[in-house]
Every structure is written in C-alpha cells, then in structure tokens.
Amino acid sequence: MSETPSTESVRKIVVDTLVSEFELERDKIVPTARLREDLGLDSLDGVDLIVALEKALSVQIPETDARQIRTVLDIYTFIDKQAAAMSGSGAPPAA
C-alpha cells in the first residue's frame, strides 16, 4: 500500500537524511537553515541530498526545482507540494 507521507514524517525523513548522510548536528537543522551557508553543503552535497531524498520519499525532484532549494524549509515546501499533487491525482474524491 502506497500512502502519501504525513507532513511530520516528511520532516523527520528530511532531518534524518541530513544527519545520516552529511553528519550534521540535528539541532542545526531548522527550517530557516540555509543548506550552503548554515549547514555547509556544497554543490556535490546538494546533488547527493536530492538523490537521497528522492529515494527516501519516493519523489522526483527535477533539476530546475532542485536549483531553487536553498533552505530546509524549501525542501519541506517542495515535498509538501509533491505530496499534495500525488494525493490529488487518481484518488477518489472524499465523501
């Protein structure tokens, strides 16, 4: 059964991915944290992050969208939009 992850679980997965893949301190991963300036991720890390998130969340993040992601909040917002689009397509309307 394939369900859209909840907002809370998406945030946990994003934070867990940043902690495990990039050895970041969990308390530094806040919505306003900038990936490059605050978390120290370079362009190669950015690519690795996109790949890890695509696998962990079963989403596609096109390159044009990935280039717009600058903060942790940008990741949350993009994933939330993807989840909303997925839940709106092919699902029967709620009664």
PDB file of N, CA and C in Angstrom:
ATOM      1  N   MET A   1       0.849  -1.169   0.000  1.00  0.00           N
ATOM      2  CA  MET A   1       0.000   0.000   0.000  1.00  0.00           C
ATOM      3  C   MET A   1       0.897   1.235   0.000  1.00  0.00           C
ATOM      4  N   SER A   2       0.658   2.134  -0.963  1.00  0.00           N
ATOM      5  CA  SER A   2       1.475   3.332  -1.086  1.00  0.00           C
ATOM      6  C   SER A   2       0.689   4.536  -0.595  1.00  0.00           C
ATOM      7  N   GLU A   3       1.098   5.086   0.527  1.00  0.00           N
ATOM      8  CA  GLU A   3       0.416   6.229   1.096  1.00  0.00           C
ATOM      9  C   GLU A   3       1.330   7.439   1.043  1.00  0.00           C
ATOM     10  N   THR A   4       0.730   8.600   0.934  1.00  0.00           N
ATOM     11  CA  THR A   4       1.479   9.831   0.972  1.00  0.00           C
ATOM     12  C   THR A   4       1.941  10.061   2.406  1.00  0.00           C
ATOM     13  N   PRO A   5       3.240  10.312   2.594  1.00  0.00           N
ATOM     14  CA  PRO A   5       3.717  10.522   3.969  1.00  0.00           C
ATOM     15  C   PRO A   5       3.146  11.807   4.555  1.00  0.00           C
ATOM     16  N   SER A   6       2.927  11.799   5.858  1.00  0.00           N
ATOM     17  CA  SER A   6       2.407  12.989   6.532  1.00  0.00           C
ATOM     18  C   SER A   6       3.490  14.060   6.578  1.00  0.00           C
ATOM     19  N   THR A   7       3.055  15.283   6.798  1.00  0.00           N
ATOM     20  CA  THR A   7       3.983  16.408   6.890  1.00  0.00           C
ATOM     21  C   THR A   7       5.030  16.145   7.970  1.00  0.00           C
ATOM     22  N   GLU A   8       4.589  15.620   9.103  1.00  0.00           N
ATOM     23  CA  GLU A   8       5.507  15.337  10.210  1.00  0.00           C
ATOM     24  C   GLU A   8       6.538  14.273   9.822  1.00  0.00           C
ATOM     25  N   SER A   9       6.085  13.216   9.145  1.00  0.00           N
ATOM     26  CA  SER A   9       7.017  12.158   8.767  1.00  0.00           C
ATOM     27  C   SER A   9       7.987  12.638   7.689  1.00  0.00           C
ATOM     28  N   VAL A  10       7.525  13.519   6.794  1.00  0.00           N
ATOM     29  CA  VAL A  10       8.419  14.091   5.778  1.00  0.00           C
ATOM     30  C   VAL A  10       9.531  14.874   6.460  1.00  0.00           C
ATOM     31  N   ARG A  11       9.172  15.691   7.428  1.00  0.00           N
ATOM     32  CA  ARG A  11      10.185  16.483   8.127  1.00  0.00           C
ATOM     33  C   ARG A  11      11.186  15.595   8.852  1.00  0.00           C
ATOM     34  N   LYS A  12      10.704  14.533   9.454  1.00  0.00           N
ATOM     35  CA  LYS A  12      11.592  13.600  10.140  1.00  0.00           C
ATOM     36  C   LYS A  12      12.548  12.936   9.153  1.00  0.00           C
ATOM     37  N   ILE A  13      12.027  12.523   8.010  1.00  0.00           N
ATOM     38  CA  ILE A  13      12.864  11.881   6.992  1.00  0.00           C
ATOM     39  C   ILE A  13      13.917  12.854   6.472  1.00  0.00           C
ATOM     40  N   VAL A  14      13.522  14.107   6.215  1.00  0.00           N
ATOM     41  CA  VAL A  14      14.477  15.111   5.730  1.00  0.00           C
ATOM     42  C   VAL A  14      15.581  15.324   6.756  1.00  0.00           C
ATOM     43  N   VAL A  15      15.206  15.519   8.006  1.00  0.00           N
ATOM     44  CA  VAL A  15      16.198  15.747   9.062  1.00  0.00           C
ATOM     45  C   VAL A  15      17.089  14.512   9.230  1.00  0.00           C
ATOM     46  N   ASP A  16      16.471  13.329   9.281  1.00  0.00           N
ATOM     47  CA  ASP A  16      17.251  12.092   9.435  1.00  0.00           C
ATOM     48  C   ASP A  16      18.233  11.918   8.279  1.00  0.00           C
ATOM     49  N   THR A  17      17.806  12.277   7.060  1.00  0.00           N
ATOM     50  CA  THR A  17      18.683  12.163   5.891  1.00  0.00           C
ATOM     51  C   THR A  17      19.864  13.113   6.022  1.00  0.00           C
ATOM     52  N   LEU A  18      19.607  14.346   6.414  1.00  0.00           N
ATOM     53  CA  LEU A  18      20.699  15.307   6.587  1.00  0.00           C
ATOM     54  C   LEU A  18      21.669  14.862   7.677  1.00  0.00           C
ATOM     55  N   VAL A  19      21.147  14.306   8.747  1.00  0.00           N
ATOM     56  CA  VAL A  19      22.001  13.840   9.850  1.00  0.00           C
ATOM     57  C   VAL A  19      22.835  12.644   9.413  1.00  0.00           C
ATOM     58  N   SER A  20      22.195  11.642   8.805  1.00  0.00           N
ATOM     59  CA  SER A  20      22.914  10.413   8.474  1.00  0.00           C
ATOM     60  C   SER A  20      23.831  10.551   7.266  1.00  0.00           C
ATOM     61  N   GLU A  21      23.383  11.270   6.239  1.00  0.00           N
ATOM     62  CA  GLU A  21      24.182  11.374   5.011  1.00  0.00           C
ATOM     63  C   GLU A  21      25.314  12.393   5.113  1.00  0.00           C
ATOM     64  N   PHE A  22      25.110  13.429   5.895  1.00  0.00           N
ATOM     65  CA  PHE A  22      26.081  14.524   5.923  1.00  0.00           C
ATOM     66  C   PHE A  22      26.661  14.791   7.304  1.00  0.00           C
ATOM     67  N   GLU A  23      26.343  13.919   8.264  1.00  0.00           N
ATOM     68  CA  GLU A  23      26.878  14.007   9.615  1.00  0.00           C
ATOM     69  C   GLU A  23      26.666  15.387  10.239  1.00  0.00           C
ATOM     70  N   LEU A  24      25.470  15.926  10.019  1.00  0.00           N
ATOM     71  CA  LEU A  24      25.129  17.227  10.593  1.00  0.00           C
ATOM     72  C   LEU A  24      24.519  17.038  11.973  1.00  0.00           C
ATOM     73  N   GLU A  25      24.629  18.066  12.793  1.00  0.00           N
ATOM     74  CA  GLU A  25      24.024  18.031  14.115  1.00  0.00           C
ATOM     75  C   GLU A  25      22.530  18.314  13.973  1.00  0.00           C
ATOM     76  N   ARG A  26      21.731  17.450  14.560  1.00  0.00           N
ATOM     77  CA  ARG A  26      20.271  17.532  14.441  1.00  0.00           C
ATOM     78  C   ARG A  26      19.739  18.912  14.853  1.00  0.00           C
ATOM     79  N   ASP A  27      20.306  19.509  15.894  1.00  0.00           N
ATOM     80  CA  ASP A  27      19.773  20.792  16.377  1.00  0.00           C
ATOM     81  C   ASP A  27      20.067  21.959  15.435  1.00  0.00           C
ATOM     82  N   LYS A  28      20.971  21.777  14.473  1.00  0.00           N
ATOM     83  CA  LYS A  28      21.263  22.830  13.493  1.00  0.00           C
ATOM     84  C   LYS A  28      20.294  22.791  12.308  1.00  0.00           C
ATOM     85  N   ILE A  29      19.537  21.707  12.196  1.00  0.00           N
ATOM     86  CA  ILE A  29      18.639  21.540  11.059  1.00  0.00           C
ATOM     87  C   ILE A  29      17.276  22.111  11.425  1.00  0.00           C
ATOM     88  N   VAL A  30      17.138  23.395  11.166  1.00  0.00           N
ATOM     89  CA  VAL A  30      15.897  24.123  11.423  1.00  0.00           C
ATOM     90  C   VAL A  30      15.377  24.639  10.082  1.00  0.00           C
ATOM     91  N   PRO A  31      14.098  24.946   9.995  1.00  0.00           N
ATOM     92  CA  PRO A  31      13.541  25.375   8.709  1.00  0.00           C
ATOM     93  C   PRO A  31      14.286  26.527   8.039  1.00  0.00           C
ATOM     94  N   THR A  32      14.792  27.452   8.821  1.00  0.00           N
ATOM     95  CA  THR A  32      15.467  28.612   8.235  1.00  0.00           C
ATOM     96  C   THR A  32      16.922  28.356   7.868  1.00  0.00           C
ATOM     97  N   ALA A  33      17.442  27.189   8.209  1.00  0.00           N
ATOM     98  CA  ALA A  33      18.847  26.880   7.919  1.00  0.00           C
ATOM     99  C   ALA A  33      19.079  26.830   6.413  1.00  0.00           C
ATOM    100  N   ARG A  34      20.076  27.595   5.963  1.00  0.00           N
ATOM    101  CA  ARG A  34      20.452  27.592   4.550  1.00  0.00           C
ATOM    102  C   ARG A  34      21.403  26.422   4.322  1.00  0.00           C
ATOM    103  N   LEU A  35      21.148  25.672   3.266  1.00  0.00           N
ATOM    104  CA  LEU A  35      21.914  24.457   3.017  1.00  0.00           C
ATOM    105  C   LEU A  35      23.401  24.739   2.860  1.00  0.00           C
ATOM    106  N   ARG A  36      23.744  25.749   2.104  1.00  0.00           N
ATOM    107  CA  ARG A  36      25.148  26.044   1.850  1.00  0.00           C
ATOM    108  C   ARG A  36      25.770  26.831   3.005  1.00  0.00           C
ATOM    109  N   GLU A  37      25.195  27.959   3.316  1.00  0.00           N
ATOM    110  CA  GLU A  37      25.812  28.865   4.285  1.00  0.00           C
ATOM    111  C   GLU A  37      25.762  28.353   5.718  1.00  0.00           C
ATOM    112  N   ASP A  38      24.619  27.800   6.132  1.00  0.00           N
ATOM    113  CA  ASP A  38      24.467  27.391   7.529  1.00  0.00           C
ATOM    114  C   ASP A  38      24.854  25.936   7.783  1.00  0.00           C
ATOM    115  N   LEU A  39      24.559  25.063   6.810  1.00  0.00           N
ATOM    116  CA  LEU A  39      24.824  23.637   7.012  1.00  0.00           C
ATOM    117  C   LEU A  39      26.106  23.171   6.313  1.00  0.00           C
ATOM    118  N   GLY A  40      26.693  24.027   5.499  1.00  0.00           N
ATOM    119  CA  GLY A  40      27.984  23.722   4.887  1.00  0.00           C
ATOM    120  C   GLY A  40      27.942  22.739   3.731  1.00  0.00           C
ATOM    121  N   LEU A  41      26.786  22.588   3.092  1.00  0.00           N
ATOM    122  CA  LEU A  41      26.702  21.672   1.959  1.00  0.00           C
ATOM    123  C   LEU A  41      27.197  22.371   0.692  1.00  0.00           C
ATOM    124  N   ASP A  42      28.017  21.670  -0.078  1.00  0.00           N
ATOM    125  CA  ASP A  42      28.470  22.237  -1.346  1.00  0.00           C
ATOM    126  C   ASP A  42      27.590  21.700  -2.476  1.00  0.00           C
ATOM    127  N   SER A  43      27.920  22.029  -3.722  1.00  0.00           N
ATOM    128  CA  SER A  43      27.061  21.641  -4.843  1.00  0.00           C
ATOM    129  C   SER A  43      26.978  20.126  -5.010  1.00  0.00           C
ATOM    130  N   LEU A  44      28.059  19.411  -4.771  1.00  0.00           N
ATOM    131  CA  LEU A  44      28.028  17.951  -4.867  1.00  0.00           C
ATOM    132  C   LEU A  44      27.155  17.366  -3.753  1.00  0.00           C
ATOM    133  N   ASP A  45      27.247  17.943  -2.557  1.00  0.00           N
ATOM    134  CA  ASP A  45      26.373  17.515  -1.458  1.00  0.00           C
ATOM    135  C   ASP A  45      24.915  17.747  -1.829  1.00  0.00           C
ATOM    136  N   GLY A  46      24.648  18.849  -2.527  1.00  0.00           N
ATOM    137  CA  GLY A  46      23.288  19.143  -2.949  1.00  0.00           C
ATOM    138  C   GLY A  46      22.726  18.057  -3.848  1.00  0.00           C
ATOM    139  N   VAL A  47      23.553  17.592  -4.778  1.00  0.00           N
ATOM    140  CA  VAL A  47      23.133  16.502  -5.669  1.00  0.00           C
ATOM    141  C   VAL A  47      22.893  15.235  -4.855  1.00  0.00           C
ATOM    142  N   ASP A  48      23.805  14.930  -3.960  1.00  0.00           N
ATOM    143  CA  ASP A  48      23.652  13.746  -3.107  1.00  0.00           C
ATOM    144  C   ASP A  48      22.390  13.841  -2.253  1.00  0.00           C
ATOM    145  N   LEU A  49      22.091  15.040  -1.758  1.00  0.00           N
ATOM    146  CA  LEU A  49      20.893  15.248  -0.949  1.00  0.00           C
ATOM    147  C   LEU A  49      19.637  14.980  -1.779  1.00  0.00           C
ATOM    148  N   ILE A  50      19.589  15.499  -2.987  1.00  0.00           N
ATOM    149  CA  ILE A  50      18.421  15.296  -3.856  1.00  0.00           C
ATOM    150  C   ILE A  50      18.219  13.808  -4.112  1.00  0.00           C
ATOM    151  N   VAL A  51      19.286  13.095  -4.436  1.00  0.00           N
ATOM    152  CA  VAL A  51      19.187  11.654  -4.699  1.00  0.00           C
ATOM    153  C   VAL A  51      18.697  10.921  -3.451  1.00  0.00           C
ATOM    154  N   ALA A  52      19.253  11.255  -2.298  1.00  0.00           N
ATOM    155  CA  ALA A  52      18.853  10.590  -1.050  1.00  0.00           C
ATOM    156  C   ALA A  52      17.389  10.865  -0.726  1.00  0.00           C
ATOM    157  N   LEU A  53      16.943  12.099  -0.927  1.00  0.00           N
ATOM    158  CA  LEU A  53      15.545  12.430  -0.638  1.00  0.00           C
ATOM    159  C   LEU A  53      14.596  11.761  -1.625  1.00  0.00           C
ATOM    160  N   GLU A  54      15.001  11.698  -2.894  1.00  0.00           N
ATOM    161  CA  GLU A  54      14.165  11.017  -3.885  1.00  0.00           C
ATOM    162  C   GLU A  54      13.957   9.560  -3.495  1.00  0.00           C
ATOM    163  N   LYS A  55      15.014   8.906  -3.042  1.00  0.00           N
ATOM    164  CA  LYS A  55      14.907   7.507  -2.621  1.00  0.00           C
ATOM    165  C   LYS A  55      14.085   7.364  -1.344  1.00  0.00           C
ATOM    166  N   ALA A  56      14.378   8.199  -0.363  1.00  0.00           N
ATOM    167  CA  ALA A  56      13.724   8.082   0.945  1.00  0.00           C
ATOM    168  C   ALA A  56      12.236   8.425   0.888  1.00  0.00           C
ATOM    169  N   LEU A  57      11.872   9.360   0.009  1.00  0.00           N
ATOM    170  CA  LEU A  57      10.491   9.847  -0.026  1.00  0.00           C
ATOM    171  C   LEU A  57       9.718   9.399  -1.269  1.00  0.00           C
ATOM    172  N   SER A  58      10.376   8.656  -2.149  1.00  0.00           N
ATOM    173  CA  SER A  58       9.746   8.192  -3.392  1.00  0.00           C
ATOM    174  C   SER A  58       9.133   9.343  -4.188  1.00  0.00           C
ATOM    175  N   VAL A  59       9.941  10.390  -4.385  1.00  0.00           N
ATOM    176  CA  VAL A  59       9.522  11.536  -5.182  1.00  0.00           C
ATOM    177  C   VAL A  59      10.567  11.807  -6.260  1.00  0.00           C
ATOM    178  N   GLN A  60      10.167  12.584  -7.232  1.00  0.00           N
ATOM    179  CA  GLN A  60      11.099  13.054  -8.245  1.00  0.00           C
ATOM    180  C   GLN A  60      11.308  14.547  -8.018  1.00  0.00           C
ATOM    181  N   ILE A  61      12.560  14.966  -7.989  1.00  0.00           N
ATOM    182  CA  ILE A  61      12.866  16.381  -7.829  1.00  0.00           C
ATOM    183  C   ILE A  61      13.614  16.819  -9.077  1.00  0.00           C
ATOM    184  N   PRO A  62      12.897  17.449 -10.014  1.00  0.00           N
ATOM    185  CA  PRO A  62      13.547  17.892 -11.246  1.00  0.00           C
ATOM    186  C   PRO A  62      14.676  18.883 -10.962  1.00  0.00           C
ATOM    187  N   GLU A  63      15.663  18.900 -11.847  1.00  0.00           N
ATOM    188  CA  GLU A  63      16.832  19.762 -11.662  1.00  0.00           C
ATOM    189  C   GLU A  63      16.430  21.230 -11.514  1.00  0.00           C
ATOM    190  N   THR A  64      15.443  21.666 -12.295  1.00  0.00           N
ATOM    191  CA  THR A  64      15.013  23.065 -12.208  1.00  0.00           C
ATOM    192  C   THR A  64      14.465  23.393 -10.826  1.00  0.00           C
ATOM    193  N   ASP A  65      13.753  22.442 -10.217  1.00  0.00           N
ATOM    194  CA  ASP A  65      13.248  22.653  -8.861  1.00  0.00           C
ATOM    195  C   ASP A  65      14.373  22.550  -7.839  1.00  0.00           C
ATOM    196  N   ALA A  66      15.263  21.604  -8.039  1.00  0.00           N
ATOM    197  CA  ALA A  66      16.373  21.408  -7.104  1.00  0.00           C
ATOM    198  C   ALA A  66      17.227  22.671  -6.999  1.00  0.00           C
ATOM    199  N   ARG A  67      17.388  23.368  -8.111  1.00  0.00           N
ATOM    200  CA  ARG A  67      18.198  24.596  -8.097  1.00  0.00           C
ATOM    201  C   ARG A  67      17.573  25.706  -7.273  1.00  0.00           C
ATOM    202  N   GLN A  68      16.265  25.624  -7.032  1.00  0.00           N
ATOM    203  CA  GLN A  68      15.565  26.646  -6.254  1.00  0.00           C
ATOM    204  C   GLN A  68      15.594  26.366  -4.756  1.00  0.00           C
ATOM    205  N   ILE A  69      16.040  25.177  -4.380  1.00  0.00           N
ATOM    206  CA  ILE A  69      16.056  24.787  -2.965  1.00  0.00           C
ATOM    207  C   ILE A  69      17.296  25.377  -2.303  1.00  0.00           C
ATOM    208  N   ARG A  70      17.051  26.271  -1.364  1.00  0.00           N
ATOM    209  CA  ARG A  70      18.146  26.947  -0.667  1.00  0.00           C
ATOM    210  C   ARG A  70      18.145  26.678   0.837  1.00  0.00           C
ATOM    211  N   THR A  71      16.954  26.396   1.390  1.00  0.00           N
ATOM    212  CA  THR A  71      16.837  26.207   2.839  1.00  0.00           C
ATOM    213  C   THR A  71      16.137  24.875   3.134  1.00  0.00           C
ATOM    214  N   VAL A  72      16.175  24.489   4.378  1.00  0.00           N
ATOM    215  CA  VAL A  72      15.460  23.293   4.807  1.00  0.00           C
ATOM    216  C   VAL A  72      13.961  23.488   4.567  1.00  0.00           C
ATOM    217  N   LEU A  73      13.457  24.693   4.818  1.00  0.00           N
ATOM    218  CA  LEU A  73      12.040  24.976   4.570  1.00  0.00           C
ATOM    219  C   LEU A  73      11.693  24.799   3.090  1.00  0.00           C
ATOM    220  N   ASP A  74      12.603  25.160   2.190  1.00  0.00           N
ATOM    221  CA  ASP A  74      12.364  24.958   0.758  1.00  0.00           C
ATOM    222  C   ASP A  74      12.155  23.472   0.456  1.00  0.00           C
ATOM    223  N   ILE A  75      12.909  22.618   1.115  1.00  0.00           N
ATOM    224  CA  ILE A  75      12.742  21.172   0.928  1.00  0.00           C
ATOM    225  C   ILE A  75      11.352  20.758   1.394  1.00  0.00           C
ATOM    226  N   TYR A  76      10.987  21.177   2.602  1.00  0.00           N
ATOM    227  CA  TYR A  76       9.669  20.836   3.145  1.00  0.00           C
ATOM    228  C   TYR A  76       8.557  21.297   2.200  1.00  0.00           C
ATOM    229  N   THR A  77       8.658  22.524   1.733  1.00  0.00           N
ATOM    230  CA  THR A  77       7.623  23.104   0.869  1.00  0.00           C
ATOM    231  C   THR A  77       7.506  22.323  -0.429  1.00  0.00           C
ATOM    232  N   PHE A  78       8.642  21.998  -1.035  1.00  0.00           N
ATOM    233  CA  PHE A  78       8.612  21.245  -2.290  1.00  0.00           C
ATOM    234  C   PHE A  78       7.976  19.875  -2.087  1.00  0.00           C
ATOM    235  N   ILE A  79       8.393  19.168  -1.052  1.00  0.00           N
ATOM    236  CA  ILE A  79       7.867  17.826  -0.794  1.00  0.00           C
ATOM    237  C   ILE A  79       6.376  17.892  -0.480  1.00  0.00           C
ATOM    238  N   ASP A  80       5.961  18.893   0.294  1.00  0.00           N
ATOM    239  CA  ASP A  80       4.535  19.058   0.605  1.00  0.00           C
ATOM    240  C   ASP A  80       3.722  19.263  -0.674  1.00  0.00           C
ATOM    241  N   LYS A  81       4.239  20.069  -1.601  1.00  0.00           N
ATOM    242  CA  LYS A  81       3.544  20.301  -2.876  1.00  0.00           C
ATOM    243  C   LYS A  81       3.469  19.021  -3.692  1.00  0.00           C
ATOM    244  N   GLN A  82       4.551  18.267  -3.701  1.00  0.00           N
ATOM    245  CA  GLN A  82       4.565  16.992  -4.418  1.00  0.00           C
ATOM    246  C   GLN A  82       3.530  16.041  -3.827  1.00  0.00           C
ATOM    247  N   ALA A  83       3.491  15.961  -2.505  1.00  0.00           N
ATOM    248  CA  ALA A  83       2.555  15.057  -1.833  1.00  0.00           C
ATOM    249  C   ALA A  83       1.115  15.470  -2.115  1.00  0.00           C
ATOM    250  N   ALA A  84       0.855  16.775  -2.104  1.00  0.00           N
ATOM    251  CA  ALA A  84      -0.495  17.262  -2.385  1.00  0.00           C
ATOM    252  C   ALA A  84      -0.897  16.925  -3.817  1.00  0.00           C
ATOM    253  N   ALA A  85       0.026  17.069  -4.745  1.00  0.00           N
ATOM    254  CA  ALA A  85      -0.264  16.759  -6.145  1.00  0.00           C
ATOM    255  C   ALA A  85      -0.516  15.269  -6.317  1.00  0.00           C
ATOM    256  N   MET A  86       0.267  14.447  -5.619  1.00  0.00           N
ATOM    257  CA  MET A  86       0.110  12.997  -5.719  1.00  0.00           C
ATOM    258  C   MET A  86      -1.212  12.557  -5.110  1.00  0.00           C
ATOM    259  N   SER A  87      -1.582  13.142  -3.992  1.00  0.00           N
ATOM    260  CA  SER A  87      -2.821  12.722  -3.348  1.00  0.00           C
ATOM    261  C   SER A  87      -4.036  13.226  -4.110  1.00  0.00           C
ATOM    262  N   GLY A  88      -3.862  14.271  -4.902  1.00  0.00           N
ATOM    263  CA  GLY A  88      -4.969  14.803  -5.677  1.00  0.00           C
ATOM    264  C   GLY A  88      -5.184  14.101  -6.992  1.00  0.00           C
ATOM    265  N   SER A  89      -4.197  13.340  -7.449  1.00  0.00           N
ATOM    266  CA  SER A  89      -4.346  12.675  -8.749  1.00  0.00           C
ATOM    267  C   SER A  89      -4.650  11.203  -8.569  1.00  0.00           C
ATOM    268  N   GLY A  90      -5.677  10.772  -9.221  1.00  0.00           N
ATOM    269  CA  GLY A  90      -6.014   9.359  -9.213  1.00  0.00           C
ATOM    270  C   GLY A  90      -6.718   8.894  -7.961  1.00  0.00           C
ATOM    271  N   ALA A  91      -6.893   9.760  -7.010  1.00  0.00           N
ATOM    272  CA  ALA A  91      -7.564   9.361  -5.778  1.00  0.00           C
ATOM    273  C   ALA A  91      -9.048   9.707  -5.889  1.00  0.00           C
ATOM    274  N   PRO A  92      -9.901   8.848  -5.389  1.00  0.00           N
ATOM    275  CA  PRO A  92     -11.327   9.188  -5.440  1.00  0.00           C
ATOM    276  C   PRO A  92     -11.618  10.374  -4.541  1.00  0.00           C
ATOM    277  N   PRO A  93     -12.594  11.200  -4.922  1.00  0.00           N
ATOM    278  CA  PRO A  93     -12.903  12.357  -4.073  1.00  0.00           C
ATOM    279  C   PRO A  93     -13.444  11.915  -2.722  1.00  0.00           C
ATOM    280  N   ALA A  94     -13.131  12.689  -1.696  1.00  0.00           N
ATOM    281  CA  ALA A  94     -13.599  12.381  -0.347  1.00  0.00           C
ATOM    282  C   ALA A  94     -15.096  12.632  -0.268  1.00  0.00           C
ATOM    283  N   ALA A  95     -15.792  11.759   0.430  1.00  0.00           N
ATOM    284  CA  ALA A  95     -17.260  11.900   0.545  1.00  0.00           C
ATOM    285  C   ALA A  95     -17.618  12.840   1.664  1.00  0.00           C
TER     286      ALA A  95
END
